[in-house]
Amino acid sequence: MSRRAFAIVLASALAIPSLLSGCGYHRVGDAGELPQNVHTIAISGFVSHSQTFRIEQLLTDAVVREFNARTQYRVIHDTGDADAVLKATVLSASASPLVYDSTSGRAVSALVTVSVQVSLTDRQGKVLFENPSYLFHDQYEISSYLPGFFQEDSPAVDRLSRDFARTLVANILEVY
């Protein structure tokens, strides 16, 4: 089997289980938008248990931008004045090579996996959205070497942060 064929088989084998398994989150309460009494959402800085430098800051910033761009909710930092509070902990972040260049042997594509614990609660502590092991997977082209993927100035990390934020906000607002 050629390297290219092997890479395609490997990518398919990794992608299919994640598509079939669902993401495991759940919303509590009625279907539709968040409760009508929610107008402000506090998003404090995410916490990180990952060794990836500043990933929690990049993800927090991207989620704040996405909420501001896609919703009518006012995003604030002070949890005391908020109708709901979004908390998240980055559990891990990794990049694994997926496709290699047949000439140089260098990885040209990576599967990135970020595991985050997420909860959105209202003022009374009622859970509106929760996922203790939110997994975000996506494939990214690598412009340089794989160990540099998570460097602070990596354009791929910017794309990852935006893609993660878009997916998380959509999941929170999703109507069953």
N, C-alpha and C. Protein backbone atom coordinates (compact mmCIF):
# COMPACT_ATOMS: atom_id res chain seq x y z
N MET A 1 0.86 -1.17 0.00
CA MET A 1 0.00 0.00 0.00
C MET A 1 0.91 1.24 0.00
N SER A 2 0.62 2.19 -0.88
CA SER A 2 1.43 3.40 -0.95
C SER A 2 1.20 4.28 0.28
N ARG A 3 2.13 5.20 0.50
CA ARG A 3 1.98 6.11 1.65
C ARG A 3 0.72 6.94 1.53
N ARG A 4 0.42 7.38 0.35
CA ARG A 4 -0.76 8.22 0.14
C ARG A 4 -2.04 7.43 0.45
N ALA A 5 -2.10 6.22 -0.04
CA ALA A 5 -3.28 5.38 0.21
C ALA A 5 -3.39 5.08 1.70
N PHE A 6 -2.26 4.81 2.35
CA PHE A 6 -2.26 4.55 3.78
C PHE A 6 -2.76 5.77 4.55
N ALA A 7 -2.30 6.96 4.13
CA ALA A 7 -2.72 8.19 4.81
C ALA A 7 -4.22 8.42 4.66
N ILE A 8 -4.76 8.11 3.49
CA ILE A 8 -6.20 8.28 3.27
C ILE A 8 -6.99 7.30 4.13
N VAL A 9 -6.53 6.05 4.17
CA VAL A 9 -7.20 5.04 5.00
C VAL A 9 -7.13 5.44 6.47
N LEU A 10 -5.96 5.90 6.92
CA LEU A 10 -5.79 6.33 8.31
C LEU A 10 -6.70 7.51 8.63
N ALA A 11 -6.75 8.49 7.76
CA ALA A 11 -7.60 9.67 7.99
C ALA A 11 -9.07 9.25 8.07
N SER A 12 -9.49 8.34 7.20
CA SER A 12 -10.87 7.87 7.23
C SER A 12 -11.16 7.10 8.51
N ALA A 13 -10.21 6.27 8.90
CA ALA A 13 -10.41 5.47 10.12
C ALA A 13 -10.52 6.36 11.35
N LEU A 14 -9.80 7.47 11.36
CA LEU A 14 -9.87 8.38 12.49
C LEU A 14 -11.12 9.25 12.45
N ALA A 15 -11.57 9.61 11.27
CA ALA A 15 -12.69 10.54 11.15
C ALA A 15 -14.05 9.86 11.35
N ILE A 16 -14.21 8.68 10.84
CA ILE A 16 -15.52 8.02 10.89
C ILE A 16 -16.03 7.81 12.31
N PRO A 17 -15.21 7.27 13.24
CA PRO A 17 -15.74 7.09 14.61
C PRO A 17 -16.19 8.40 15.25
N SER A 18 -15.46 9.48 15.00
CA SER A 18 -15.86 10.75 15.62
C SER A 18 -17.16 11.27 15.02
N LEU A 19 -17.40 11.00 13.74
CA LEU A 19 -18.65 11.43 13.13
C LEU A 19 -19.83 10.60 13.63
N LEU A 20 -19.61 9.31 13.82
CA LEU A 20 -20.69 8.43 14.24
C LEU A 20 -21.00 8.52 15.72
N SER A 21 -20.00 8.88 16.52
CA SER A 21 -20.20 8.86 17.97
C SER A 21 -20.94 10.07 18.50
N GLY A 22 -21.04 11.13 17.74
CA GLY A 22 -21.67 12.36 18.25
C GLY A 22 -20.70 13.06 19.18
N CYS A 23 -21.06 14.22 19.61
CA CYS A 23 -20.13 14.98 20.42
C CYS A 23 -20.38 14.83 21.91
N GLY A 24 -21.48 14.25 22.32
CA GLY A 24 -21.68 13.94 23.73
C GLY A 24 -22.20 15.07 24.59
N TYR A 25 -22.47 16.23 24.04
CA TYR A 25 -22.97 17.32 24.85
C TYR A 25 -24.46 17.17 25.03
N HIS A 26 -24.99 17.89 25.96
CA HIS A 26 -26.44 17.94 26.08
C HIS A 26 -26.86 19.29 26.60
N ARG A 27 -28.07 19.66 26.21
CA ARG A 27 -28.67 20.88 26.73
C ARG A 27 -29.73 20.46 27.72
N VAL A 28 -29.93 21.29 28.69
CA VAL A 28 -30.95 21.02 29.68
C VAL A 28 -32.07 22.02 29.47
N GLY A 29 -33.32 21.57 29.56
CA GLY A 29 -34.44 22.49 29.42
C GLY A 29 -35.11 22.34 28.07
N ASP A 30 -35.91 23.34 27.73
CA ASP A 30 -36.68 23.30 26.50
C ASP A 30 -35.78 23.48 25.30
N ALA A 31 -36.24 22.94 24.17
CA ALA A 31 -35.52 23.15 22.92
C ALA A 31 -35.65 24.61 22.51
N GLY A 32 -34.73 25.08 21.73
CA GLY A 32 -34.76 26.46 21.25
C GLY A 32 -33.62 27.25 21.84
N GLU A 33 -33.80 28.54 21.90
CA GLU A 33 -32.76 29.42 22.43
C GLU A 33 -32.60 29.22 23.93
N LEU A 34 -31.59 29.85 24.47
CA LEU A 34 -31.40 29.82 25.92
C LEU A 34 -32.61 30.46 26.58
N PRO A 35 -32.83 30.23 27.85
CA PRO A 35 -34.00 30.81 28.52
C PRO A 35 -34.11 32.32 28.28
N GLN A 36 -35.34 32.81 28.27
CA GLN A 36 -35.59 34.22 27.96
C GLN A 36 -34.98 35.18 28.96
N ASN A 37 -34.69 34.73 30.17
CA ASN A 37 -34.10 35.61 31.17
C ASN A 37 -32.59 35.76 30.99
N VAL A 38 -32.01 35.09 30.02
CA VAL A 38 -30.57 35.21 29.77
C VAL A 38 -30.33 36.29 28.73
N HIS A 39 -29.68 37.37 29.17
CA HIS A 39 -29.32 38.48 28.29
C HIS A 39 -27.82 38.72 28.30
N THR A 40 -27.18 38.38 29.42
CA THR A 40 -25.73 38.56 29.53
C THR A 40 -25.09 37.23 29.89
N ILE A 41 -23.93 36.98 29.28
CA ILE A 41 -23.17 35.76 29.55
C ILE A 41 -21.77 36.18 29.97
N ALA A 42 -21.36 35.70 31.14
CA ALA A 42 -19.99 35.96 31.60
C ALA A 42 -19.09 34.86 31.05
N ILE A 43 -18.02 35.28 30.41
CA ILE A 43 -17.02 34.33 29.92
C ILE A 43 -15.68 34.79 30.50
N SER A 44 -15.29 34.14 31.56
CA SER A 44 -13.98 34.43 32.15
C SER A 44 -12.95 33.64 31.35
N GLY A 45 -11.71 33.91 31.60
CA GLY A 45 -10.67 33.18 30.90
C GLY A 45 -10.77 31.69 31.15
N PHE A 46 -10.65 30.91 30.07
CA PHE A 46 -10.63 29.47 30.22
C PHE A 46 -9.41 29.08 31.04
N VAL A 47 -9.49 27.96 31.70
CA VAL A 47 -8.38 27.40 32.46
C VAL A 47 -7.72 26.35 31.59
N SER A 48 -6.43 26.11 31.77
CA SER A 48 -5.77 25.08 30.97
C SER A 48 -5.01 24.09 31.83
N HIS A 49 -5.23 22.82 31.54
CA HIS A 49 -4.43 21.74 32.11
C HIS A 49 -3.53 21.16 31.03
N SER A 50 -3.50 21.82 29.90
CA SER A 50 -2.71 21.39 28.75
C SER A 50 -1.33 22.04 28.83
N GLN A 51 -0.37 21.43 28.19
CA GLN A 51 0.98 21.99 28.11
C GLN A 51 1.12 22.96 26.94
N THR A 52 0.04 23.15 26.19
CA THR A 52 0.09 24.01 25.02
C THR A 52 0.03 25.48 25.44
N PHE A 53 1.05 26.22 25.05
CA PHE A 53 1.21 27.60 25.46
C PHE A 53 0.06 28.47 24.98
N ARG A 54 -0.62 29.13 25.92
CA ARG A 54 -1.65 30.13 25.69
C ARG A 54 -2.89 29.63 24.96
N ILE A 55 -3.08 28.32 24.83
CA ILE A 55 -4.24 27.82 24.10
C ILE A 55 -5.54 28.28 24.76
N GLU A 56 -5.55 28.35 26.09
CA GLU A 56 -6.77 28.77 26.79
C GLU A 56 -7.12 30.23 26.48
N GLN A 57 -6.11 31.08 26.34
CA GLN A 57 -6.37 32.49 26.02
C GLN A 57 -6.91 32.64 24.59
N LEU A 58 -6.31 31.90 23.67
CA LEU A 58 -6.75 31.98 22.28
C LEU A 58 -8.18 31.46 22.12
N LEU A 59 -8.50 30.36 22.80
CA LEU A 59 -9.85 29.82 22.73
C LEU A 59 -10.86 30.74 23.39
N THR A 60 -10.51 31.30 24.55
CA THR A 60 -11.41 32.24 25.23
C THR A 60 -11.72 33.43 24.33
N ASP A 61 -10.70 34.04 23.77
CA ASP A 61 -10.89 35.21 22.90
C ASP A 61 -11.77 34.86 21.70
N ALA A 62 -11.55 33.70 21.12
CA ALA A 62 -12.33 33.29 19.94
C ALA A 62 -13.79 33.06 20.31
N VAL A 63 -14.05 32.45 21.47
CA VAL A 63 -15.43 32.19 21.90
C VAL A 63 -16.15 33.52 22.19
N VAL A 64 -15.47 34.45 22.83
CA VAL A 64 -16.06 35.78 23.09
C VAL A 64 -16.42 36.46 21.77
N ARG A 65 -15.48 36.45 20.82
CA ARG A 65 -15.74 37.07 19.50
C ARG A 65 -16.93 36.40 18.81
N GLU A 66 -17.01 35.06 18.89
CA GLU A 66 -18.09 34.34 18.23
C GLU A 66 -19.44 34.66 18.86
N PHE A 67 -19.51 34.70 20.19
CA PHE A 67 -20.77 35.06 20.85
C PHE A 67 -21.18 36.48 20.45
N ASN A 68 -20.23 37.40 20.41
CA ASN A 68 -20.53 38.78 20.03
C ASN A 68 -21.00 38.88 18.58
N ALA A 69 -20.41 38.09 17.70
CA ALA A 69 -20.74 38.16 16.28
C ALA A 69 -22.04 37.46 15.93
N ARG A 70 -22.37 36.35 16.62
CA ARG A 70 -23.49 35.52 16.21
C ARG A 70 -24.73 35.60 17.07
N THR A 71 -24.64 36.25 18.21
CA THR A 71 -25.80 36.25 19.11
C THR A 71 -26.13 37.66 19.57
N GLN A 72 -27.30 37.76 20.21
CA GLN A 72 -27.71 39.03 20.78
C GLN A 72 -27.27 39.15 22.24
N TYR A 73 -26.65 38.11 22.79
CA TYR A 73 -26.24 38.13 24.20
C TYR A 73 -25.07 39.08 24.40
N ARG A 74 -25.10 39.78 25.51
CA ARG A 74 -23.99 40.68 25.85
C ARG A 74 -22.98 39.86 26.65
N VAL A 75 -21.74 39.86 26.19
CA VAL A 75 -20.68 39.10 26.85
C VAL A 75 -19.93 40.02 27.79
N ILE A 76 -19.82 39.58 29.05
CA ILE A 76 -19.10 40.35 30.07
C ILE A 76 -18.11 39.43 30.77
N HIS A 77 -17.24 40.01 31.59
CA HIS A 77 -16.25 39.22 32.31
C HIS A 77 -16.65 38.99 33.76
N ASP A 78 -17.45 39.88 34.31
CA ASP A 78 -17.82 39.79 35.73
C ASP A 78 -18.96 38.81 35.92
N THR A 79 -18.70 37.72 36.60
CA THR A 79 -19.72 36.69 36.79
C THR A 79 -20.86 37.15 37.69
N GLY A 80 -20.63 38.12 38.55
CA GLY A 80 -21.66 38.60 39.46
C GLY A 80 -22.80 39.31 38.79
N ASP A 81 -22.55 39.93 37.64
CA ASP A 81 -23.58 40.69 36.92
C ASP A 81 -24.20 39.91 35.77
N ALA A 82 -23.83 38.65 35.60
CA ALA A 82 -24.27 37.88 34.43
C ALA A 82 -25.51 37.05 34.71
N ASP A 83 -26.30 36.86 33.67
CA ASP A 83 -27.46 35.98 33.74
C ASP A 83 -27.03 34.51 33.60
N ALA A 84 -25.90 34.29 32.92
CA ALA A 84 -25.35 32.95 32.74
C ALA A 84 -23.84 33.05 32.73
N VAL A 85 -23.19 31.95 33.12
CA VAL A 85 -21.73 31.92 33.18
C VAL A 85 -21.23 30.72 32.38
N LEU A 86 -20.30 30.99 31.45
CA LEU A 86 -19.66 29.94 30.68
C LEU A 86 -18.28 29.70 31.27
N LYS A 87 -18.04 28.46 31.68
CA LYS A 87 -16.73 28.08 32.22
C LYS A 87 -16.18 26.95 31.37
N ALA A 88 -14.86 26.99 31.15
CA ALA A 88 -14.24 25.94 30.36
C ALA A 88 -12.83 25.67 30.85
N THR A 89 -12.45 24.42 30.76
CA THR A 89 -11.10 23.99 31.10
C THR A 89 -10.55 23.19 29.93
N VAL A 90 -9.42 23.62 29.39
CA VAL A 90 -8.76 22.88 28.32
C VAL A 90 -8.04 21.71 28.97
N LEU A 91 -8.48 20.51 28.66
CA LEU A 91 -7.89 19.31 29.26
C LEU A 91 -6.65 18.86 28.50
N SER A 92 -6.69 18.95 27.17
CA SER A 92 -5.53 18.57 26.36
C SER A 92 -5.66 19.17 24.97
N ALA A 93 -4.52 19.26 24.30
CA ALA A 93 -4.47 19.72 22.92
C ALA A 93 -3.30 19.00 22.25
N SER A 94 -3.57 18.39 21.10
CA SER A 94 -2.51 17.65 20.42
C SER A 94 -2.69 17.73 18.91
N ALA A 95 -1.58 17.56 18.22
CA ALA A 95 -1.58 17.50 16.76
C ALA A 95 -0.84 16.23 16.36
N SER A 96 -1.48 15.42 15.52
CA SER A 96 -0.89 14.17 15.05
C SER A 96 -0.80 14.21 13.54
N PRO A 97 0.33 13.80 12.98
CA PRO A 97 0.46 13.82 11.53
C PRO A 97 -0.56 12.90 10.86
N LEU A 98 -1.12 13.37 9.76
CA LEU A 98 -2.11 12.60 9.01
C LEU A 98 -1.62 12.22 7.62
N VAL A 99 -1.07 13.19 6.93
CA VAL A 99 -0.60 12.97 5.56
C VAL A 99 0.85 13.45 5.46
N TYR A 100 1.65 12.63 4.79
CA TYR A 100 3.07 12.96 4.60
C TYR A 100 3.33 13.25 3.14
N ASP A 101 4.29 14.12 2.89
CA ASP A 101 4.77 14.39 1.54
C ASP A 101 5.63 13.20 1.12
N SER A 102 5.31 12.58 -0.01
CA SER A 102 6.04 11.37 -0.42
C SER A 102 7.48 11.68 -0.82
N THR A 103 7.77 12.90 -1.20
CA THR A 103 9.12 13.26 -1.60
C THR A 103 10.01 13.55 -0.39
N SER A 104 9.53 14.40 0.49
CA SER A 104 10.36 14.82 1.63
C SER A 104 10.13 13.98 2.88
N GLY A 105 8.99 13.29 2.96
CA GLY A 105 8.67 12.54 4.17
C GLY A 105 8.14 13.41 5.29
N ARG A 106 7.99 14.70 5.02
CA ARG A 106 7.53 15.67 6.02
C ARG A 106 6.01 15.64 6.10
N ALA A 107 5.48 15.77 7.30
CA ALA A 107 4.03 15.84 7.48
C ALA A 107 3.50 17.12 6.84
N VAL A 108 2.43 16.99 6.07
CA VAL A 108 1.83 18.16 5.42
C VAL A 108 0.43 18.43 5.93
N SER A 109 -0.12 17.48 6.70
CA SER A 109 -1.45 17.63 7.25
C SER A 109 -1.48 16.97 8.62
N ALA A 110 -2.23 17.58 9.54
CA ALA A 110 -2.30 17.04 10.90
C ALA A 110 -3.75 17.00 11.36
N LEU A 111 -4.05 16.03 12.21
CA LEU A 111 -5.33 15.97 12.89
C LEU A 111 -5.11 16.59 14.25
N VAL A 112 -5.85 17.66 14.51
CA VAL A 112 -5.72 18.37 15.78
C VAL A 112 -6.91 17.99 16.65
N THR A 113 -6.63 17.66 17.89
CA THR A 113 -7.67 17.29 18.85
C THR A 113 -7.52 18.17 20.08
N VAL A 114 -8.61 18.81 20.45
CA VAL A 114 -8.64 19.62 21.67
C VAL A 114 -9.77 19.08 22.54
N SER A 115 -9.45 18.79 23.78
CA SER A 115 -10.44 18.29 24.73
C SER A 115 -10.69 19.39 25.76
N VAL A 116 -11.97 19.74 25.92
CA VAL A 116 -12.33 20.85 26.81
C VAL A 116 -13.53 20.44 27.65
N GLN A 117 -13.49 20.81 28.90
CA GLN A 117 -14.63 20.63 29.80
C GLN A 117 -15.40 21.94 29.79
N VAL A 118 -16.69 21.90 29.43
CA VAL A 118 -17.47 23.13 29.24
C VAL A 118 -18.77 23.05 30.04
N SER A 119 -19.13 24.18 30.67
CA SER A 119 -20.46 24.26 31.30
C SER A 119 -20.97 25.69 31.20
N LEU A 120 -22.27 25.80 30.98
CA LEU A 120 -22.96 27.08 30.98
C LEU A 120 -24.08 26.96 32.00
N THR A 121 -24.04 27.80 33.02
CA THR A 121 -25.03 27.75 34.09
C THR A 121 -25.70 29.10 34.24
N ASP A 122 -26.95 29.08 34.74
CA ASP A 122 -27.64 30.35 34.98
C ASP A 122 -27.31 30.86 36.38
N ARG A 123 -27.90 31.98 36.76
CA ARG A 123 -27.63 32.60 38.08
C ARG A 123 -27.89 31.67 39.25
N GLN A 124 -28.87 30.81 39.12
CA GLN A 124 -29.23 29.90 40.21
C GLN A 124 -28.38 28.63 40.19
N GLY A 125 -27.49 28.51 39.24
CA GLY A 125 -26.65 27.33 39.15
C GLY A 125 -27.22 26.21 38.30
N LYS A 126 -28.38 26.46 37.68
CA LYS A 126 -28.99 25.45 36.81
C LYS A 126 -28.13 25.31 35.54
N VAL A 127 -27.84 24.08 35.17
CA VAL A 127 -27.01 23.81 34.01
C VAL A 127 -27.83 24.00 32.73
N LEU A 128 -27.37 24.89 31.85
CA LEU A 128 -28.02 25.14 30.58
C LEU A 128 -27.36 24.34 29.45
N PHE A 129 -26.08 24.12 29.58
CA PHE A 129 -25.30 23.35 28.61
C PHE A 129 -24.11 22.79 29.37
N GLU A 130 -23.79 21.53 29.08
CA GLU A 130 -22.66 20.93 29.77
C GLU A 130 -22.07 19.82 28.91
N ASN A 131 -20.77 19.77 28.91
CA ASN A 131 -20.07 18.65 28.30
C ASN A 131 -18.74 18.49 29.04
N PRO A 132 -18.61 17.43 29.83
CA PRO A 132 -17.40 17.25 30.62
C PRO A 132 -16.18 16.85 29.79
N SER A 133 -16.40 16.41 28.55
CA SER A 133 -15.27 16.04 27.69
C SER A 133 -15.58 16.40 26.25
N TYR A 134 -15.71 17.67 26.00
CA TYR A 134 -16.00 18.19 24.66
C TYR A 134 -14.77 17.96 23.79
N LEU A 135 -14.92 17.19 22.74
CA LEU A 135 -13.80 16.90 21.85
C LEU A 135 -13.99 17.65 20.54
N PHE A 136 -12.99 18.40 20.17
CA PHE A 136 -13.00 19.11 18.90
C PHE A 136 -11.87 18.53 18.06
N HIS A 137 -12.21 17.98 16.88
CA HIS A 137 -11.22 17.42 15.96
C HIS A 137 -11.31 18.17 14.64
N ASP A 138 -10.17 18.43 14.06
CA ASP A 138 -10.18 18.97 12.71
C ASP A 138 -8.83 18.72 12.07
N GLN A 139 -8.83 18.75 10.76
CA GLN A 139 -7.61 18.53 9.99
C GLN A 139 -7.09 19.87 9.51
N TYR A 140 -5.78 20.08 9.61
CA TYR A 140 -5.15 21.33 9.20
C TYR A 140 -3.92 21.04 8.37
N GLU A 141 -3.71 21.89 7.38
CA GLU A 141 -2.47 21.82 6.61
C GLU A 141 -1.34 22.38 7.46
N ILE A 142 -0.17 21.82 7.30
CA ILE A 142 0.98 22.27 8.08
C ILE A 142 1.94 22.96 7.12
N SER A 143 2.25 24.21 7.40
CA SER A 143 3.15 24.95 6.51
C SER A 143 4.61 24.75 6.88
N SER A 144 4.87 24.35 8.11
CA SER A 144 6.25 24.08 8.53
C SER A 144 6.26 22.74 9.24
N TYR A 145 7.07 22.56 10.23
CA TYR A 145 7.18 21.26 10.89
C TYR A 145 6.11 21.09 11.97
N LEU A 146 5.71 19.83 12.19
CA LEU A 146 4.60 19.50 13.09
C LEU A 146 4.78 20.02 14.52
N PRO A 147 5.96 19.90 15.14
CA PRO A 147 6.08 20.40 16.51
C PRO A 147 5.80 21.90 16.65
N GLY A 148 5.87 22.64 15.56
CA GLY A 148 5.60 24.06 15.59
C GLY A 148 4.14 24.42 15.42
N PHE A 149 3.27 23.42 15.28
CA PHE A 149 1.86 23.70 15.02
C PHE A 149 1.25 24.60 16.08
N PHE A 150 1.51 24.34 17.35
CA PHE A 150 0.89 25.09 18.43
C PHE A 150 1.69 26.32 18.85
N GLN A 151 2.64 26.76 18.04
CA GLN A 151 3.35 27.97 18.38
C GLN A 151 2.38 29.14 18.38
N GLU A 152 2.67 30.11 19.23
CA GLU A 152 1.76 31.23 19.45
C GLU A 152 1.40 31.96 18.16
N ASP A 153 2.34 32.08 17.25
CA ASP A 153 2.10 32.87 16.05
C ASP A 153 1.61 32.02 14.87
N SER A 154 1.26 30.78 15.12
CA SER A 154 0.83 29.88 14.06
C SER A 154 -0.53 30.28 13.51
N PRO A 155 -0.65 30.50 12.20
CA PRO A 155 -1.96 30.78 11.61
C PRO A 155 -2.92 29.61 11.81
N ALA A 156 -2.39 28.40 11.89
CA ALA A 156 -3.25 27.23 12.08
C ALA A 156 -3.93 27.29 13.44
N VAL A 157 -3.25 27.78 14.46
CA VAL A 157 -3.86 27.88 15.78
C VAL A 157 -4.96 28.93 15.77
N ASP A 158 -4.78 30.00 15.02
CA ASP A 158 -5.85 30.99 14.87
C ASP A 158 -7.08 30.36 14.21
N ARG A 159 -6.86 29.59 13.14
CA ARG A 159 -7.98 28.91 12.48
C ARG A 159 -8.64 27.92 13.43
N LEU A 160 -7.83 27.17 14.15
CA LEU A 160 -8.35 26.20 15.12
C LEU A 160 -9.22 26.90 16.16
N SER A 161 -8.76 28.02 16.69
CA SER A 161 -9.51 28.76 17.71
C SER A 161 -10.85 29.24 17.16
N ARG A 162 -10.84 29.79 15.94
CA ARG A 162 -12.09 30.26 15.32
C ARG A 162 -13.03 29.09 15.05
N ASP A 163 -12.49 27.99 14.53
CA ASP A 163 -13.33 26.82 14.23
C ASP A 163 -13.92 26.23 15.50
N PHE A 164 -13.11 26.15 16.55
CA PHE A 164 -13.59 25.64 17.84
C PHE A 164 -14.71 26.53 18.37
N ALA A 165 -14.50 27.84 18.35
CA ALA A 165 -15.50 28.79 18.87
C ALA A 165 -16.80 28.69 18.09
N ARG A 166 -16.70 28.62 16.77
CA ARG A 166 -17.88 28.52 15.92
C ARG A 166 -18.67 27.25 16.26
N THR A 167 -17.97 26.14 16.44
CA THR A 167 -18.62 24.87 16.76
C THR A 167 -19.25 24.90 18.15
N LEU A 168 -18.52 25.42 19.14
CA LEU A 168 -19.03 25.46 20.51
C LEU A 168 -20.28 26.34 20.60
N VAL A 169 -20.22 27.52 20.04
CA VAL A 169 -21.37 28.44 20.11
C VAL A 169 -22.57 27.83 19.38
N ALA A 170 -22.33 27.22 18.23
CA ALA A 170 -23.42 26.56 17.51
C ALA A 170 -24.03 25.44 18.34
N ASN A 171 -23.21 24.67 19.01
CA ASN A 171 -23.72 23.58 19.86
C ASN A 171 -24.55 24.12 21.02
N ILE A 172 -24.10 25.21 21.62
CA ILE A 172 -24.84 25.80 22.74
C ILE A 172 -26.19 26.31 22.27
N LEU A 173 -26.23 26.89 21.08
CA LEU A 173 -27.47 27.51 20.59
C LEU A 173 -28.33 26.56 19.75
N GLU A 174 -27.85 25.37 19.53
CA GLU A 174 -28.54 24.42 18.64
C GLU A 174 -29.95 24.08 19.14
N VAL A 175 -30.85 23.98 18.21
CA VAL A 175 -32.23 23.59 18.51
C VAL A 175 -32.36 22.10 18.18
N TYR A 176 -32.89 21.35 19.11
CA TYR A 176 -33.09 19.91 18.85
C TYR A 176 -34.26 19.74 17.91
